């Protein structure tokens, strides 16, 4: 397995080891910077993450003109913008 490296914001440029890979593949697979993954023909075979070992700091937008709701539970969700640009924006409940 090789380490994932995000080199430009919003997953515009991503590497697995020394190979360039589409940011949309990583984003849809829910992989982050410094995770380790094994791909074959642009398909995720296996991955390893150490997300439980660290916290991601950022800004939680509680007041916004856009409202997000979970379709199943109808709970309000808020946008979370990480300080580190290598991470995507999240919706949190």
Protein backbone atom coordinates (compact mmCIF):
# COMPACT_ATOMS: atom_id res chain seq x y z
CA UNK A 1 0.00 0.00 0.00
CA UNK A 2 1.13 3.51 -0.77
CA UNK A 3 0.49 6.82 0.98
CA UNK A 4 -2.05 9.30 -0.43
CA UNK A 5 -0.72 12.82 -0.84
CA UNK A 6 -3.02 15.76 -1.65
CA UNK A 7 -0.95 18.56 -3.23
CA UNK A 8 -3.66 21.08 -4.22
CA UNK A 9 -6.88 22.19 -2.49
CA UNK A 10 -10.21 20.48 -3.21
CA UNK A 11 -8.51 17.28 -4.36
CA UNK A 12 -7.42 18.92 -7.65
CA UNK A 13 -4.04 17.15 -7.63
CA UNK A 14 -3.50 13.87 -5.79
CA UNK A 15 -0.78 11.25 -5.71
CA UNK A 16 -0.58 7.69 -4.52
CA UNK A 17 3.12 7.20 -4.07
CA UNK A 18 4.46 8.83 -7.26
CA UNK A 19 1.40 8.11 -9.44
CA UNK A 20 -1.14 10.86 -10.16
CA UNK A 21 -4.72 9.79 -9.45
CA UNK A 22 -8.08 11.48 -9.92
CA UNK A 23 -9.24 13.42 -6.88
CA UNK A 24 -12.83 12.31 -7.50
CA UNK A 25 -11.83 8.67 -6.99
CA UNK A 26 -10.28 9.52 -3.61
CA UNK A 27 -13.17 11.77 -2.62
CA UNK A 28 -15.82 9.19 -3.51
CA UNK A 29 -13.84 6.49 -1.67
CA UNK A 30 -13.71 8.79 1.39
CA UNK A 31 -9.92 8.71 1.53
CA UNK A 32 -7.91 11.53 3.09
CA UNK A 33 -4.40 12.90 3.00
CA UNK A 34 -1.89 10.46 4.61
CA UNK A 35 -4.22 7.43 4.32
CA UNK A 36 -2.69 4.39 2.65
CA UNK A 37 -4.38 2.66 -0.25
CA UNK A 38 -3.96 0.00 -2.89
CA UNK A 39 -5.55 0.63 -6.28
CA UNK A 40 -5.79 -1.59 -9.35
CA UNK A 41 -7.05 -0.02 -12.62
CA UNK A 42 -8.38 3.01 -10.67
CA UNK A 43 -10.44 0.76 -8.39
CA UNK A 44 -9.86 0.73 -4.65
CA UNK A 45 -8.72 -2.72 -3.52
CA UNK A 46 -7.68 -2.05 0.07
CA UNK A 47 -7.04 0.94 2.35
CA UNK A 48 -5.70 1.76 5.78
CA UNK A 49 -6.49 4.90 7.72
CA UNK A 50 -5.24 6.38 10.98
CA UNK A 51 -8.10 8.90 11.31
CA UNK A 52 -8.92 7.77 14.85
CA UNK A 53 -5.44 8.91 15.96
CA UNK A 54 -5.91 12.62 15.28
CA UNK A 55 -8.47 15.41 15.31
CA UNK A 56 -9.17 17.78 12.43
CA UNK A 57 -9.46 21.43 13.44
CA UNK A 58 -11.63 23.85 11.57
CA UNK A 59 -14.64 26.16 11.47
CA UNK A 60 -18.22 25.02 11.99
CA UNK A 61 -20.66 27.29 10.14
CA UNK A 62 -23.73 27.41 12.38
CA UNK A 63 -25.27 30.42 10.67
CA UNK A 64 -25.53 30.06 6.93
CA UNK A 65 -27.97 30.90 4.18
CA UNK A 66 -27.84 27.27 3.01
CA UNK A 67 -29.62 24.65 5.09
CA UNK A 68 -28.72 20.96 4.96
CA UNK A 69 -30.93 18.18 6.32
CA UNK A 70 -30.48 14.44 6.51
CA UNK A 71 -33.12 12.82 4.30
CA UNK A 72 -33.74 9.90 6.68
CA UNK A 73 -33.66 11.54 10.11
CA UNK A 74 -34.49 15.13 9.11
CA UNK A 75 -31.74 16.43 11.43
CA UNK A 76 -30.04 19.70 10.57
CA UNK A 77 -26.49 19.39 9.30
CA UNK A 78 -23.84 22.09 9.36
CA UNK A 79 -20.86 22.75 7.11
CA UNK A 80 -17.43 22.13 8.66
CA UNK A 81 -14.45 23.73 6.93
CA UNK A 82 -11.08 22.26 8.00
CA UNK A 83 -8.15 24.60 8.62
CA UNK A 84 -5.85 22.26 6.70
CA UNK A 85 -6.74 22.62 3.00
CA UNK A 86 -5.75 18.99 2.36
CA UNK A 87 -9.08 17.89 3.86
CA UNK A 88 -12.47 18.38 2.18
CA UNK A 89 -15.43 20.23 3.64
CA UNK A 90 -17.74 18.05 5.74
CA UNK A 91 -21.38 18.10 6.73
CA UNK A 92 -21.79 17.28 10.43
CA UNK A 93 -24.91 16.77 12.55
